């Protein structure tokens, strides 16, 4: 859902508008998991911490992948605990170029809630940092069903492999081609084009709308294409969704289970190689 607020904001904008937003720290890494310890050492003023594994995901499963969407009720409860209410504007940041923060951006945006990713993330913030854990007053966040038209299931994706659907894999090129230690098997969904989340950035900041539009057009994601994005577990794929939004292209669907669900089912086909 398009909005005058977001999908990204600059550090300068945030510095002038702290009182008007809820700031959420979403640091997480594939090797170390949630960055709560780093948050407690230093975070943006007033920022609360959202745990990707607990607040933004349901428990992992073979069919749902490593980071399934929580139920609407679970997500509403998590947001309420973090002080994010029905009328809150949210700015999310991480230390990974927005590839983790984009997950919460998408979860809020797809429900029609105003949200933005801090361009440049923690490294782009030149203001003061705090080490005090923020414990906000709980607020009300209404549970809303995840919109089916913005998602695609494993079975529907499998049935679409012979269609004109443009499938984007947001993993790094080596993982897209051959998999990695955390992947259930090598390769990628057949016909998927590699759209690494990191390709949306220059020096840690999102590329311009024109550059992103050209980038996505070069891999078949143009304004008349039907697009689906996935990654390892439905997290960094959201960085492609925000990249498409910045580029002014139609909203794509998210395959939440991503390769962690598809690759876990040996009955589903895979392609190996760049």
C-alpha atoms as a PDB file:
ATOM      1  CA  UNK A   1       0.000   0.000   0.000  1.00  0.00           C
ATOM      2  CA  UNK A   2       1.562   3.256  -1.126  1.00  0.00           C
ATOM      3  CA  UNK A   3       1.999   5.992   1.444  1.00  0.00           C
ATOM      4  CA  UNK A   4       3.538   9.445   1.713  1.00  0.00           C
ATOM      5  CA  UNK A   5       5.503   8.002   4.654  1.00  0.00           C
ATOM      6  CA  UNK A   6       8.152   5.487   3.662  1.00  0.00           C
ATOM      7  CA  UNK A   7       9.069   2.996   2.421  1.00  0.00           C
ATOM      8  CA  UNK A   8      12.436   4.384   3.553  1.00  0.00           C
ATOM      9  CA  UNK A   9      13.422   7.439   5.569  1.00  0.00           C
ATOM     10  CA  UNK A  10      16.789   9.108   5.999  1.00  0.00           C
ATOM     11  CA  UNK A  11      18.664   9.480   9.269  1.00  0.00           C
ATOM     12  CA  UNK A  12      18.169  13.240   8.977  1.00  0.00           C
ATOM     13  CA  UNK A  13      14.390  12.797   8.691  1.00  0.00           C
ATOM     14  CA  UNK A  14      14.332  10.495  11.706  1.00  0.00           C
ATOM     15  CA  UNK A  15      16.389  12.909  13.806  1.00  0.00           C
ATOM     16  CA  UNK A  16      13.739  15.577  13.204  1.00  0.00           C
ATOM     17  CA  UNK A  17      10.733  13.305  13.770  1.00  0.00           C
ATOM     18  CA  UNK A  18      11.632  11.020  16.680  1.00  0.00           C
ATOM     19  CA  UNK A  19       8.609  12.147  18.690  1.00  0.00           C
ATOM     20  CA  UNK A  20       6.247  11.140  15.903  1.00  0.00           C
ATOM     21  CA  UNK A  21       7.346   7.517  15.382  1.00  0.00           C
ATOM     22  CA  UNK A  22       8.061   4.240  17.133  1.00  0.00           C
ATOM     23  CA  UNK A  23      11.623   3.124  16.392  1.00  0.00           C
ATOM     24  CA  UNK A  24      12.226  -0.630  16.223  1.00  0.00           C
ATOM     25  CA  UNK A  25      15.607  -2.372  16.237  1.00  0.00           C
ATOM     26  CA  UNK A  26      15.435  -5.615  14.223  1.00  0.00           C
ATOM     27  CA  UNK A  27      19.040  -6.737  14.280  1.00  0.00           C
ATOM     28  CA  UNK A  28      19.487 -10.435  13.497  1.00  0.00           C
ATOM     29  CA  UNK A  29      22.040 -12.532  11.644  1.00  0.00           C
ATOM     30  CA  UNK A  30      22.065 -15.920   9.992  1.00  0.00           C
ATOM     31  CA  UNK A  31      24.991 -17.037  12.156  1.00  0.00           C
ATOM     32  CA  UNK A  32      24.155 -15.479  15.538  1.00  0.00           C
ATOM     33  CA  UNK A  33      20.385 -15.103  15.465  1.00  0.00           C
ATOM     34  CA  UNK A  34      18.615 -12.229  17.269  1.00  0.00           C
ATOM     35  CA  UNK A  35      20.804  -9.250  18.082  1.00  0.00           C
ATOM     36  CA  UNK A  36      19.371  -8.530  21.516  1.00  0.00           C
ATOM     37  CA  UNK A  37      22.795  -8.389  23.159  1.00  0.00           C
ATOM     38  CA  UNK A  38      24.011  -5.854  20.594  1.00  0.00           C
ATOM     39  CA  UNK A  39      20.796  -3.885  21.139  1.00  0.00           C
ATOM     40  CA  UNK A  40      21.400  -3.744  24.885  1.00  0.00           C
ATOM     41  CA  UNK A  41      24.952  -2.516  24.319  1.00  0.00           C
ATOM     42  CA  UNK A  42      23.912   0.343  22.022  1.00  0.00           C
ATOM     43  CA  UNK A  43      20.773   1.277  20.119  1.00  0.00           C
ATOM     44  CA  UNK A  44      19.032   4.322  18.718  1.00  0.00           C
ATOM     45  CA  UNK A  45      17.321   6.506  21.331  1.00  0.00           C
ATOM     46  CA  UNK A  46      13.860   5.198  22.315  1.00  0.00           C
ATOM     47  CA  UNK A  47      14.215   2.114  20.114  1.00  0.00           C
ATOM     48  CA  UNK A  48      12.507  -1.101  21.169  1.00  0.00           C
ATOM     49  CA  UNK A  49      13.840  -4.515  20.134  1.00  0.00           C
ATOM     50  CA  UNK A  50      11.860  -6.916  17.937  1.00  0.00           C
ATOM     51  CA  UNK A  51      13.064 -10.513  17.917  1.00  0.00           C
ATOM     52  CA  UNK A  52      12.716 -11.937  14.403  1.00  0.00           C
ATOM     53  CA  UNK A  53      12.458 -15.493  15.721  1.00  0.00           C
ATOM     54  CA  UNK A  54       9.854 -14.710  18.403  1.00  0.00           C
ATOM     55  CA  UNK A  55       7.986 -11.511  17.548  1.00  0.00           C
ATOM     56  CA  UNK A  56       7.948 -11.688  13.750  1.00  0.00           C
ATOM     57  CA  UNK A  57       7.706 -15.431  13.100  1.00  0.00           C
ATOM     58  CA  UNK A  58       5.802 -18.528  14.118  1.00  0.00           C
ATOM     59  CA  UNK A  59       7.772 -21.613  15.181  1.00  0.00           C
ATOM     60  CA  UNK A  60       9.643 -23.236  12.274  1.00  0.00           C
ATOM     61  CA  UNK A  61       8.349 -26.337  10.511  1.00  0.00           C
ATOM     62  CA  UNK A  62       9.198 -28.366   7.431  1.00  0.00           C
ATOM     63  CA  UNK A  63       6.100 -27.161   5.607  1.00  0.00           C
ATOM     64  CA  UNK A  64       6.277 -23.547   6.802  1.00  0.00           C
ATOM     65  CA  UNK A  65      10.028 -23.037   6.692  1.00  0.00           C
ATOM     66  CA  UNK A  66      12.326 -21.393   9.230  1.00  0.00           C
ATOM     67  CA  UNK A  67      10.374 -18.141   9.618  1.00  0.00           C
ATOM     68  CA  UNK A  68       6.652 -18.641   8.945  1.00  0.00           C
ATOM     69  CA  UNK A  69       4.363 -15.688   9.522  1.00  0.00           C
ATOM     70  CA  UNK A  70       2.896 -15.574  13.025  1.00  0.00           C
ATOM     71  CA  UNK A  71      -0.844 -15.709  13.343  1.00  0.00           C
ATOM     72  CA  UNK A  72      -2.500 -12.288  13.169  1.00  0.00           C
ATOM     73  CA  UNK A  73      -3.212 -12.561  16.886  1.00  0.00           C
ATOM     74  CA  UNK A  74       0.408 -13.403  17.718  1.00  0.00           C
ATOM     75  CA  UNK A  75       1.674 -10.501  15.646  1.00  0.00           C
ATOM     76  CA  UNK A  76      -0.840  -8.083  17.154  1.00  0.00           C
ATOM     77  CA  UNK A  77       0.205  -9.122  20.663  1.00  0.00           C
ATOM     78  CA  UNK A  78       3.893  -8.675  19.836  1.00  0.00           C
ATOM     79  CA  UNK A  79       3.336  -5.231  18.343  1.00  0.00           C
ATOM     80  CA  UNK A  80       1.228  -4.162  21.301  1.00  0.00           C
ATOM     81  CA  UNK A  81       3.983  -5.234  23.722  1.00  0.00           C
ATOM     82  CA  UNK A  82       6.474  -3.163  21.752  1.00  0.00           C
ATOM     83  CA  UNK A  83       4.316  -0.058  21.924  1.00  0.00           C
ATOM     84  CA  UNK A  84       3.217  -0.205  18.285  1.00  0.00           C
ATOM     85  CA  UNK A  85      -0.458   0.709  18.123  1.00  0.00           C
ATOM     86  CA  UNK A  86      -3.053   0.935  15.396  1.00  0.00           C
ATOM     87  CA  UNK A  87      -2.119   4.536  14.621  1.00  0.00           C
ATOM     88  CA  UNK A  88       1.654   4.299  15.099  1.00  0.00           C
ATOM     89  CA  UNK A  89       4.140   5.185  12.406  1.00  0.00           C
ATOM     90  CA  UNK A  90       7.089   2.818  12.665  1.00  0.00           C
ATOM     91  CA  UNK A  91      10.717   3.213  11.599  1.00  0.00           C
ATOM     92  CA  UNK A  92      12.664  -0.053  11.528  1.00  0.00           C
ATOM     93  CA  UNK A  93      16.423  -0.477  11.340  1.00  0.00           C
ATOM     94  CA  UNK A  94      19.086  -3.166  11.412  1.00  0.00           C
ATOM     95  CA  UNK A  95      22.809  -3.462  10.739  1.00  0.00           C
ATOM     96  CA  UNK A  96      22.385  -5.458   7.520  1.00  0.00           C
ATOM     97  CA  UNK A  97      21.414  -2.898   4.918  1.00  0.00           C
ATOM     98  CA  UNK A  98      17.720  -3.238   5.687  1.00  0.00           C
ATOM     99  CA  UNK A  99      17.554  -6.911   4.693  1.00  0.00           C
ATOM    100  CA  UNK A 100      16.136  -7.866   8.109  1.00  0.00           C
ATOM    101  CA  UNK A 101      14.274  -4.637   8.891  1.00  0.00           C
ATOM    102  CA  UNK A 102      12.387  -5.029   5.616  1.00  0.00           C
ATOM    103  CA  UNK A 103      10.575  -8.045   7.074  1.00  0.00           C
ATOM    104  CA  UNK A 104       8.818  -5.936   9.723  1.00  0.00           C
ATOM    105  CA  UNK A 105       8.298  -3.144   7.187  1.00  0.00           C
ATOM    106  CA  UNK A 106       6.480  -5.582   4.919  1.00  0.00           C
ATOM    107  CA  UNK A 107       4.426  -7.120   7.731  1.00  0.00           C
ATOM    108  CA  UNK A 108       3.138  -3.704   8.759  1.00  0.00           C
ATOM    109  CA  UNK A 109       2.792  -2.282   5.258  1.00  0.00           C
ATOM    110  CA  UNK A 110       0.849  -5.247   3.930  1.00  0.00           C
ATOM    111  CA  UNK A 111      -1.688  -4.657   6.719  1.00  0.00           C
ATOM    112  CA  UNK A 112      -2.012  -0.990   5.747  1.00  0.00           C
ATOM    113  CA  UNK A 113       0.049   0.267   8.707  1.00  0.00           C
ATOM    114  CA  UNK A 114       2.547   3.097   8.054  1.00  0.00           C
ATOM    115  CA  UNK A 115       6.124   1.866   8.250  1.00  0.00           C
ATOM    116  CA  UNK A 116       9.551   2.708   6.853  1.00  0.00           C
ATOM    117  CA  UNK A 117      13.077   1.322   6.916  1.00  0.00           C
ATOM    118  CA  UNK A 118      15.883   3.593   8.085  1.00  0.00           C
ATOM    119  CA  UNK A 119      18.096   4.086   5.034  1.00  0.00           C
ATOM    120  CA  UNK A 120      21.668   3.212   5.950  1.00  0.00           C
ATOM    121  CA  UNK A 121      20.572   1.449   9.134  1.00  0.00           C
ATOM    122  CA  UNK A 122      22.609   1.684  12.298  1.00  0.00           C
ATOM    123  CA  UNK A 123      25.780   2.591  10.406  1.00  0.00           C
ATOM    124  CA  UNK A 124      24.060   5.558   8.790  1.00  0.00           C
ATOM    125  CA  UNK A 125      22.933   7.023  12.106  1.00  0.00           C
ATOM    126  CA  UNK A 126      25.251   9.818  13.259  1.00  0.00           C
ATOM    127  CA  UNK A 127      23.333  10.789  16.385  1.00  0.00           C
ATOM    128  CA  UNK A 128      23.670   9.497  19.945  1.00  0.00           C
ATOM    129  CA  UNK A 129      23.083   5.905  20.995  1.00  0.00           C
ATOM    130  CA  UNK A 130      21.629   4.517  24.214  1.00  0.00           C
ATOM    131  CA  UNK A 131      22.266   1.365  26.221  1.00  0.00           C
ATOM    132  CA  UNK A 132      19.128   1.416  28.362  1.00  0.00           C
ATOM    133  CA  UNK A 133      16.550  -1.224  27.487  1.00  0.00           C
ATOM    134  CA  UNK A 134      13.303   0.460  26.483  1.00  0.00           C
ATOM    135  CA  UNK A 135      10.140  -0.976  28.066  1.00  0.00           C
ATOM    136  CA  UNK A 136       7.161   0.750  26.479  1.00  0.00           C
ATOM    137  CA  UNK A 137       3.644   0.854  27.830  1.00  0.00           C
ATOM    138  CA  UNK A 138       1.572  -1.835  26.072  1.00  0.00           C
ATOM    139  CA  UNK A 139      -0.899  -0.516  23.520  1.00  0.00           C
ATOM    140  CA  UNK A 140      -3.660  -1.942  21.361  1.00  0.00           C
ATOM    141  CA  UNK A 141      -2.834  -3.326  17.922  1.00  0.00           C
ATOM    142  CA  UNK A 142      -5.805  -4.843  16.118  1.00  0.00           C
ATOM    143  CA  UNK A 143      -5.273  -8.291  14.615  1.00  0.00           C
ATOM    144  CA  UNK A 144      -5.844  -8.290  10.843  1.00  0.00           C
ATOM    145  CA  UNK A 145      -5.616 -11.390   8.614  1.00  0.00           C
ATOM    146  CA  UNK A 146      -2.625 -11.566   6.301  1.00  0.00           C
ATOM    147  CA  UNK A 147      -3.938 -10.629   2.840  1.00  0.00           C
ATOM    148  CA  UNK A 148      -4.009 -13.718   0.645  1.00  0.00           C
ATOM    149  CA  UNK A 149      -3.376 -11.743  -2.534  1.00  0.00           C
ATOM    150  CA  UNK A 150       0.050 -10.656  -1.256  1.00  0.00           C
ATOM    151  CA  UNK A 151       1.220 -14.190  -0.493  1.00  0.00           C
ATOM    152  CA  UNK A 152       1.756 -17.394  -2.449  1.00  0.00           C
ATOM    153  CA  UNK A 153       1.752 -20.933  -1.088  1.00  0.00           C
ATOM    154  CA  UNK A 154       4.178 -23.700  -1.950  1.00  0.00           C
ATOM    155  CA  UNK A 155       1.518 -25.571  -3.924  1.00  0.00           C
ATOM    156  CA  UNK A 156       0.435 -22.486  -5.874  1.00  0.00           C
ATOM    157  CA  UNK A 157       4.034 -21.627  -6.700  1.00  0.00           C
ATOM    158  CA  UNK A 158       4.662 -25.186  -7.884  1.00  0.00           C
ATOM    159  CA  UNK A 159       1.582 -24.972 -10.107  1.00  0.00           C
ATOM    160  CA  UNK A 160       2.855 -21.719 -11.624  1.00  0.00           C
ATOM    161  CA  UNK A 161       6.259 -22.874 -12.836  1.00  0.00           C
ATOM    162  CA  UNK A 162       5.098 -23.101 -16.465  1.00  0.00           C
ATOM    163  CA  UNK A 163       3.416 -19.683 -16.369  1.00  0.00           C
ATOM    164  CA  UNK A 164       4.736 -16.171 -17.004  1.00  0.00           C
ATOM    165  CA  UNK A 165       5.228 -15.630 -13.274  1.00  0.00           C
ATOM    166  CA  UNK A 166       8.546 -13.894 -12.538  1.00  0.00           C
ATOM    167  CA  UNK A 167      10.168 -15.553  -9.517  1.00  0.00           C
ATOM    168  CA  UNK A 168      12.927 -13.660  -7.723  1.00  0.00           C
ATOM    169  CA  UNK A 169      15.395 -15.357  -5.361  1.00  0.00           C
ATOM    170  CA  UNK A 170      16.890 -12.768  -2.984  1.00  0.00           C
ATOM    171  CA  UNK A 171      19.746 -14.936  -1.724  1.00  0.00           C
ATOM    172  CA  UNK A 172      23.374 -14.187  -2.527  1.00  0.00           C
ATOM    173  CA  UNK A 173      24.507 -15.615  -5.889  1.00  0.00           C
ATOM    174  CA  UNK A 174      26.416 -18.586  -4.453  1.00  0.00           C
ATOM    175  CA  UNK A 175      23.479 -19.663  -2.301  1.00  0.00           C
ATOM    176  CA  UNK A 176      21.067 -19.156  -5.184  1.00  0.00           C
ATOM    177  CA  UNK A 177      23.220 -21.358  -7.390  1.00  0.00           C
ATOM    178  CA  UNK A 178      24.485 -24.040  -5.029  1.00  0.00           C
ATOM    179  CA  UNK A 179      22.911 -23.558  -1.609  1.00  0.00           C
ATOM    180  CA  UNK A 180      24.680 -23.184   1.697  1.00  0.00           C
ATOM    181  CA  UNK A 181      25.105 -24.968   5.038  1.00  0.00           C
ATOM    182  CA  UNK A 182      21.703 -23.829   6.298  1.00  0.00           C
ATOM    183  CA  UNK A 183      19.827 -24.752   3.121  1.00  0.00           C
ATOM    184  CA  UNK A 184      18.013 -28.113   3.016  1.00  0.00           C
ATOM    185  CA  UNK A 185      19.507 -28.918  -0.425  1.00  0.00           C
ATOM    186  CA  UNK A 186      21.363 -27.135  -3.225  1.00  0.00           C
ATOM    187  CA  UNK A 187      19.890 -24.868  -5.827  1.00  0.00           C
ATOM    188  CA  UNK A 188      16.765 -22.804  -6.311  1.00  0.00           C
ATOM    189  CA  UNK A 189      13.168 -22.941  -7.516  1.00  0.00           C
ATOM    190  CA  UNK A 190      13.130 -23.705 -11.253  1.00  0.00           C
ATOM    191  CA  UNK A 191      12.901 -20.567 -13.476  1.00  0.00           C
ATOM    192  CA  UNK A 192      13.775 -18.291 -10.518  1.00  0.00           C
ATOM    193  CA  UNK A 193      16.016 -15.356 -11.363  1.00  0.00           C
ATOM    194  CA  UNK A 194      18.642 -14.228  -8.868  1.00  0.00           C
ATOM    195  CA  UNK A 195      17.849 -10.822  -7.339  1.00  0.00           C
ATOM    196  CA  UNK A 196      20.252 -10.578  -4.380  1.00  0.00           C
ATOM    197  CA  UNK A 197      18.950  -8.310  -1.641  1.00  0.00           C
ATOM    198  CA  UNK A 198      22.363  -6.688  -1.478  1.00  0.00           C
ATOM    199  CA  UNK A 199      22.094  -5.558  -5.098  1.00  0.00           C
ATOM    200  CA  UNK A 200      19.549  -2.942  -3.978  1.00  0.00           C
ATOM    201  CA  UNK A 201      22.243  -1.063  -2.063  1.00  0.00           C
ATOM    202  CA  UNK A 202      25.174   1.211  -2.768  1.00  0.00           C
ATOM    203  CA  UNK A 203      27.436   1.975   0.196  1.00  0.00           C
ATOM    204  CA  UNK A 204      24.754   0.626   2.539  1.00  0.00           C
ATOM    205  CA  UNK A 205      21.994   2.876   1.184  1.00  0.00           C
ATOM    206  CA  UNK A 206      19.153   2.026  -1.171  1.00  0.00           C
ATOM    207  CA  UNK A 207      19.791   2.841  -4.802  1.00  0.00           C
ATOM    208  CA  UNK A 208      17.657   5.469  -6.514  1.00  0.00           C
ATOM    209  CA  UNK A 209      14.229   4.665  -7.902  1.00  0.00           C
ATOM    210  CA  UNK A 210      15.556   4.881 -11.453  1.00  0.00           C
ATOM    211  CA  UNK A 211      18.492   2.573 -10.749  1.00  0.00           C
ATOM    212  CA  UNK A 212      16.259   0.032  -9.034  1.00  0.00           C
ATOM    213  CA  UNK A 213      13.707   0.132 -11.852  1.00  0.00           C
ATOM    214  CA  UNK A 214      16.474  -0.584 -14.373  1.00  0.00           C
ATOM    215  CA  UNK A 215      17.898  -3.322 -12.154  1.00  0.00           C
ATOM    216  CA  UNK A 216      14.592  -5.146 -11.824  1.00  0.00           C
ATOM    217  CA  UNK A 217      13.707  -4.678 -15.495  1.00  0.00           C
ATOM    218  CA  UNK A 218      16.999  -6.362 -16.394  1.00  0.00           C
ATOM    219  CA  UNK A 219      15.822  -9.542 -14.641  1.00  0.00           C
ATOM    220  CA  UNK A 220      12.280  -9.438 -15.968  1.00  0.00           C
ATOM    221  CA  UNK A 221      10.468  -7.622 -13.141  1.00  0.00           C
ATOM    222  CA  UNK A 222       8.848  -4.785 -15.063  1.00  0.00           C
ATOM    223  CA  UNK A 223       5.588  -2.937 -14.505  1.00  0.00           C
ATOM    224  CA  UNK A 224       3.477  -5.500 -16.374  1.00  0.00           C
ATOM    225  CA  UNK A 225       4.988  -8.606 -14.789  1.00  0.00           C
ATOM    226  CA  UNK A 226       3.457 -10.684 -12.018  1.00  0.00           C
ATOM    227  CA  UNK A 227       6.264 -11.122  -9.498  1.00  0.00           C
ATOM    228  CA  UNK A 228       6.926 -13.386  -6.510  1.00  0.00           C
ATOM    229  CA  UNK A 229       9.936 -12.999  -4.209  1.00  0.00           C
ATOM    230  CA  UNK A 230      11.532 -15.573  -1.930  1.00  0.00           C
ATOM    231  CA  UNK A 231      14.851 -16.164  -0.180  1.00  0.00           C
ATOM    232  CA  UNK A 232      16.089 -18.642   2.401  1.00  0.00           C
ATOM    233  CA  UNK A 233      13.244 -18.195   4.893  1.00  0.00           C
ATOM    234  CA  UNK A 234      11.082 -15.243   3.861  1.00  0.00           C
ATOM    235  CA  UNK A 235      13.176 -12.475   5.437  1.00  0.00           C
ATOM    236  CA  UNK A 236      15.606 -10.944   2.935  1.00  0.00           C
ATOM    237  CA  UNK A 237      13.017 -11.446   0.182  1.00  0.00           C
ATOM    238  CA  UNK A 238      11.237  -8.497   1.786  1.00  0.00           C
ATOM    239  CA  UNK A 239      14.222  -6.373   0.772  1.00  0.00           C
ATOM    240  CA  UNK A 240      13.285  -7.109  -2.835  1.00  0.00           C
ATOM    241  CA  UNK A 241       9.685  -6.193  -2.054  1.00  0.00           C
ATOM    242  CA  UNK A 242      10.791  -2.832  -0.680  1.00  0.00           C
ATOM    243  CA  UNK A 243      13.160  -2.409  -3.630  1.00  0.00           C
ATOM    244  CA  UNK A 244      10.286  -2.947  -6.051  1.00  0.00           C
ATOM    245  CA  UNK A 245       8.231  -0.393  -4.119  1.00  0.00           C
ATOM    246  CA  UNK A 246      11.012   2.209  -4.286  1.00  0.00           C
ATOM    247  CA  UNK A 247      11.327   1.525  -8.007  1.00  0.00           C
ATOM    248  CA  UNK A 248       7.645   2.377  -8.462  1.00  0.00           C
ATOM    249  CA  UNK A 249       6.772  -1.126  -9.632  1.00  0.00           C
ATOM    250  CA  UNK A 250       3.613  -3.045  -8.660  1.00  0.00           C
ATOM    251  CA  UNK A 251       3.675  -4.853  -5.339  1.00  0.00           C
ATOM    252  CA  UNK A 252       4.909  -8.433  -5.579  1.00  0.00           C
ATOM    253  CA  UNK A 253       3.845 -11.458  -3.584  1.00  0.00           C
ATOM    254  CA  UNK A 254       5.955 -13.088  -0.893  1.00  0.00           C
ATOM    255  CA  UNK A 255       6.644 -16.826  -0.732  1.00  0.00           C
ATOM    256  CA  UNK A 256       7.098 -16.924   3.023  1.00  0.00           C
ATOM    257  CA  UNK A 257       8.343 -20.501   3.339  1.00  0.00           C
ATOM    258  CA  UNK A 258      10.961 -19.761   0.694  1.00  0.00           C
ATOM    259  CA  UNK A 259      13.765 -22.234   0.064  1.00  0.00           C
ATOM    260  CA  UNK A 260      13.628 -23.541   3.642  1.00  0.00           C
ATOM    261  CA  UNK A 261      10.166 -24.954   2.831  1.00  0.00           C
ATOM    262  CA  UNK A 262      10.567 -25.720  -0.875  1.00  0.00           C
ATOM    263  CA  UNK A 263      13.982 -27.331  -0.498  1.00  0.00           C
ATOM    264  CA  UNK A 264      12.781 -29.475   2.408  1.00  0.00           C
ATOM    265  CA  UNK A 265      10.317 -31.262   0.111  1.00  0.00           C
ATOM    266  CA  UNK A 266      12.270 -33.645  -2.105  1.00  0.00           C
ATOM    267  CA  UNK A 267       9.217 -34.102  -4.310  1.00  0.00           C
ATOM    268  CA  UNK A 268       9.572 -30.514  -5.533  1.00  0.00           C
ATOM    269  CA  UNK A 269      12.008 -29.801  -8.377  1.00  0.00           C
ATOM    270  CA  UNK A 270      15.165 -27.756  -8.054  1.00  0.00           C
ATOM    271  CA  UNK A 271      17.725 -26.219 -10.391  1.00  0.00           C
ATOM    272  CA  UNK A 272      21.409 -26.068  -9.507  1.00  0.00           C
ATOM    273  CA  UNK A 273      23.869 -23.588 -10.950  1.00  0.00           C
ATOM    274  CA  UNK A 274      24.034 -19.897 -11.771  1.00  0.00           C
END
